[in-house]
N, C-alpha and C. Protein backbone atom coordinates (compact mmCIF):
# COMPACT_ATOMS: atom_id res chain seq x y z
N PRO A 1 101.88 71.01 51.83
CA PRO A 1 102.25 69.70 51.31
C PRO A 1 102.33 69.71 49.79
N THR A 2 103.12 68.82 49.25
CA THR A 2 103.23 68.69 47.80
C THR A 2 101.95 68.09 47.25
N PRO A 3 101.68 68.25 45.93
CA PRO A 3 100.48 67.64 45.36
C PRO A 3 100.43 66.13 45.60
N ALA A 4 101.57 65.47 45.51
CA ALA A 4 101.58 64.02 45.72
C ALA A 4 101.25 63.68 47.17
N ALA A 5 101.72 64.49 48.11
CA ALA A 5 101.42 64.24 49.52
C ALA A 5 99.95 64.48 49.80
N ALA A 6 99.37 65.49 49.14
CA ALA A 6 97.96 65.79 49.33
C ALA A 6 97.08 64.75 48.66
N ASN A 7 97.60 64.09 47.63
CA ASN A 7 96.84 63.10 46.90
C ASN A 7 97.72 61.86 46.72
N PRO A 8 97.69 60.96 47.69
CA PRO A 8 98.59 59.80 47.65
C PRO A 8 98.49 58.96 46.38
N SER A 9 97.34 58.97 45.69
CA SER A 9 97.21 58.14 44.49
C SER A 9 98.18 58.58 43.41
N LEU A 10 98.64 59.85 43.46
CA LEU A 10 99.60 60.30 42.46
C LEU A 10 100.94 59.61 42.62
N GLU A 11 101.22 59.10 43.80
CA GLU A 11 102.47 58.40 44.05
C GLU A 11 102.39 56.92 43.70
N GLU A 12 101.19 56.40 43.61
CA GLU A 12 101.01 54.98 43.40
C GLU A 12 101.16 54.64 41.93
N PRO A 13 102.18 53.88 41.57
CA PRO A 13 102.30 53.48 40.17
C PRO A 13 101.23 52.43 39.84
N LEU A 14 100.83 52.40 38.60
CA LEU A 14 99.89 51.37 38.17
C LEU A 14 100.59 50.02 38.28
N LEU A 15 99.81 48.98 38.54
CA LEU A 15 100.39 47.64 38.57
C LEU A 15 101.09 47.38 37.25
N LYS A 16 100.45 47.78 36.18
CA LYS A 16 101.00 47.66 34.84
C LYS A 16 100.45 48.86 34.06
N PRO A 17 101.29 49.59 33.33
CA PRO A 17 100.79 50.79 32.65
C PRO A 17 99.78 50.45 31.56
N LEU A 18 98.89 51.40 31.31
CA LEU A 18 97.93 51.23 30.23
C LEU A 18 98.65 51.33 28.89
N SER A 19 98.23 50.51 27.95
CA SER A 19 98.78 50.61 26.59
C SER A 19 98.22 51.86 25.93
N ASP A 20 98.82 52.25 24.82
CA ASP A 20 98.32 53.40 24.07
C ASP A 20 96.86 53.18 23.68
N ARG A 21 96.53 51.98 23.24
CA ARG A 21 95.15 51.68 22.82
C ARG A 21 94.20 51.77 24.01
N GLU A 22 94.62 51.25 25.16
CA GLU A 22 93.78 51.33 26.36
C GLU A 22 93.53 52.78 26.75
N ARG A 23 94.56 53.61 26.68
CA ARG A 23 94.39 55.03 26.99
C ARG A 23 93.45 55.68 25.99
N GLU A 24 93.57 55.30 24.73
CA GLU A 24 92.70 55.85 23.69
C GLU A 24 91.24 55.48 23.97
N ILE A 25 91.01 54.24 24.34
CA ILE A 25 89.65 53.79 24.66
C ILE A 25 89.14 54.48 25.92
N LEU A 26 89.97 54.59 26.93
CA LEU A 26 89.56 55.26 28.16
C LEU A 26 89.19 56.72 27.87
N GLN A 27 89.94 57.38 27.00
CA GLN A 27 89.63 58.76 26.63
C GLN A 27 88.26 58.84 25.95
N LEU A 28 87.97 57.90 25.06
CA LEU A 28 86.66 57.87 24.40
C LEU A 28 85.55 57.64 25.41
N ILE A 29 85.77 56.72 26.33
CA ILE A 29 84.77 56.43 27.36
C ILE A 29 84.51 57.69 28.20
N ALA A 30 85.58 58.43 28.49
CA ALA A 30 85.43 59.67 29.27
C ALA A 30 84.56 60.68 28.54
N LYS A 31 84.55 60.61 27.21
CA LYS A 31 83.73 61.53 26.41
C LYS A 31 82.30 61.02 26.25
N GLY A 32 82.01 59.86 26.86
CA GLY A 32 80.66 59.33 26.81
C GLY A 32 80.36 58.44 25.62
N VAL A 33 81.40 58.01 24.93
CA VAL A 33 81.23 57.15 23.76
C VAL A 33 80.88 55.73 24.22
N SER A 34 79.93 55.11 23.56
CA SER A 34 79.53 53.74 23.89
C SER A 34 80.57 52.75 23.36
N ASN A 35 80.49 51.51 23.83
CA ASN A 35 81.39 50.47 23.32
C ASN A 35 81.21 50.30 21.82
N SER A 36 79.97 50.29 21.36
CA SER A 36 79.70 50.12 19.93
C SER A 36 80.31 51.25 19.11
N GLU A 37 80.14 52.47 19.59
CA GLU A 37 80.68 53.63 18.88
C GLU A 37 82.21 53.62 18.92
N ALA A 38 82.80 53.26 20.05
CA ALA A 38 84.27 53.16 20.15
C ALA A 38 84.79 52.12 19.16
N ALA A 39 84.09 51.00 19.07
CA ALA A 39 84.48 49.96 18.12
C ALA A 39 84.45 50.49 16.69
N ARG A 40 83.40 51.22 16.35
CA ARG A 40 83.29 51.77 15.00
C ARG A 40 84.40 52.79 14.74
N LEU A 41 84.62 53.69 15.70
CA LEU A 41 85.63 54.74 15.53
C LEU A 41 87.04 54.18 15.39
N LEU A 42 87.32 53.09 16.08
CA LEU A 42 88.67 52.52 16.09
C LEU A 42 88.81 51.32 15.16
N SER A 43 87.75 51.00 14.43
CA SER A 43 87.75 49.85 13.52
C SER A 43 88.11 48.55 14.25
N LEU A 44 87.48 48.38 15.41
CA LEU A 44 87.66 47.18 16.22
C LEU A 44 86.30 46.54 16.45
N SER A 45 86.29 45.30 16.92
CA SER A 45 85.02 44.67 17.28
C SER A 45 84.61 45.12 18.68
N LYS A 46 83.31 44.98 18.96
CA LYS A 46 82.83 45.30 20.30
C LYS A 46 83.49 44.39 21.34
N ALA A 47 83.73 43.15 20.96
CA ALA A 47 84.38 42.21 21.89
C ALA A 47 85.80 42.69 22.23
N THR A 48 86.49 43.24 21.26
CA THR A 48 87.84 43.75 21.51
C THR A 48 87.79 44.95 22.45
N ILE A 49 86.81 45.81 22.26
CA ILE A 49 86.64 46.97 23.16
C ILE A 49 86.38 46.47 24.58
N ARG A 50 85.50 45.48 24.72
CA ARG A 50 85.20 44.92 26.05
C ARG A 50 86.46 44.33 26.69
N THR A 51 87.26 43.64 25.90
CA THR A 51 88.51 43.06 26.43
C THR A 51 89.45 44.16 26.91
N HIS A 52 89.59 45.22 26.11
CA HIS A 52 90.43 46.34 26.53
C HIS A 52 89.90 46.96 27.82
N LEU A 53 88.58 47.11 27.92
CA LEU A 53 87.99 47.67 29.14
C LEU A 53 88.27 46.79 30.35
N GLU A 54 88.19 45.49 30.18
CA GLU A 54 88.51 44.58 31.29
C GLU A 54 89.96 44.78 31.74
N HIS A 55 90.86 44.95 30.78
CA HIS A 55 92.27 45.19 31.12
C HIS A 55 92.43 46.52 31.84
N ILE A 56 91.73 47.54 31.36
CA ILE A 56 91.77 48.87 31.99
C ILE A 56 91.29 48.77 33.44
N TYR A 57 90.15 48.11 33.64
CA TYR A 57 89.58 47.97 34.99
C TYR A 57 90.58 47.28 35.92
N ARG A 58 91.18 46.21 35.42
CA ARG A 58 92.13 45.46 36.25
C ARG A 58 93.35 46.32 36.59
N LYS A 59 93.89 47.00 35.60
CA LYS A 59 95.09 47.82 35.83
C LYS A 59 94.82 49.00 36.75
N LEU A 60 93.63 49.59 36.64
CA LEU A 60 93.29 50.73 37.49
C LEU A 60 92.65 50.30 38.81
N GLU A 61 92.40 48.99 38.95
CA GLU A 61 91.77 48.43 40.14
C GLU A 61 90.41 49.05 40.40
N VAL A 62 89.57 49.05 39.36
CA VAL A 62 88.21 49.58 39.44
C VAL A 62 87.25 48.54 38.89
N THR A 63 85.94 48.82 39.01
CA THR A 63 84.96 47.83 38.56
C THR A 63 83.97 48.35 37.53
N ASN A 64 84.06 49.64 37.18
CA ASN A 64 83.11 50.16 36.19
C ASN A 64 83.69 51.36 35.45
N ARG A 65 82.94 51.82 34.43
CA ARG A 65 83.40 52.90 33.57
C ARG A 65 83.62 54.20 34.32
N VAL A 66 82.70 54.53 35.21
CA VAL A 66 82.81 55.79 35.95
C VAL A 66 84.07 55.79 36.80
N GLU A 67 84.30 54.70 37.51
CA GLU A 67 85.51 54.60 38.33
C GLU A 67 86.77 54.64 37.46
N ALA A 68 86.73 53.99 36.31
CA ALA A 68 87.89 53.98 35.41
C ALA A 68 88.22 55.39 34.94
N VAL A 69 87.20 56.14 34.54
CA VAL A 69 87.42 57.51 34.08
C VAL A 69 87.94 58.37 35.23
N THR A 70 87.33 58.23 36.40
CA THR A 70 87.76 59.00 37.57
C THR A 70 89.23 58.72 37.89
N GLU A 71 89.61 57.45 37.93
CA GLU A 71 91.00 57.09 38.21
C GLU A 71 91.93 57.55 37.09
N GLY A 72 91.48 57.42 35.85
CA GLY A 72 92.29 57.86 34.72
C GLY A 72 92.61 59.34 34.80
N ILE A 73 91.62 60.14 35.18
CA ILE A 73 91.82 61.59 35.33
C ILE A 73 92.74 61.85 36.52
N ARG A 74 92.45 61.19 37.63
CA ARG A 74 93.23 61.42 38.85
C ARG A 74 94.70 61.06 38.67
N LYS A 75 94.96 60.02 37.88
CA LYS A 75 96.34 59.59 37.66
C LYS A 75 96.98 60.30 36.47
N GLY A 76 96.25 61.22 35.85
CA GLY A 76 96.81 61.98 34.74
C GLY A 76 96.94 61.20 33.44
N LEU A 77 96.17 60.12 33.30
CA LEU A 77 96.24 59.29 32.10
C LEU A 77 95.40 59.85 30.97
N ILE A 78 94.33 60.55 31.33
CA ILE A 78 93.43 61.15 30.34
C ILE A 78 93.02 62.53 30.82
N SER A 79 92.43 63.29 29.92
CA SER A 79 91.89 64.60 30.29
C SER A 79 90.47 64.71 29.74
N VAL A 80 89.72 65.62 30.31
CA VAL A 80 88.34 65.83 29.84
C VAL A 80 88.16 67.25 29.36
């Protein structure tokens, strides 16, 4: 079978694609960076980071950071 057939999630498009900023934040989260540290690194507020994470969770249809990172890797959005 093809990789997509073996892993159906590869065929499933996101409801809405992640923005460049959302992908950047997801990549930082995958590296274990806290919300506070991500905010400092990106010169954003912690509230803005939380808002981006909420959007990421909704778009990836997950409920937490671990699931978001797992889905991000599985869908080829980020690497570790």
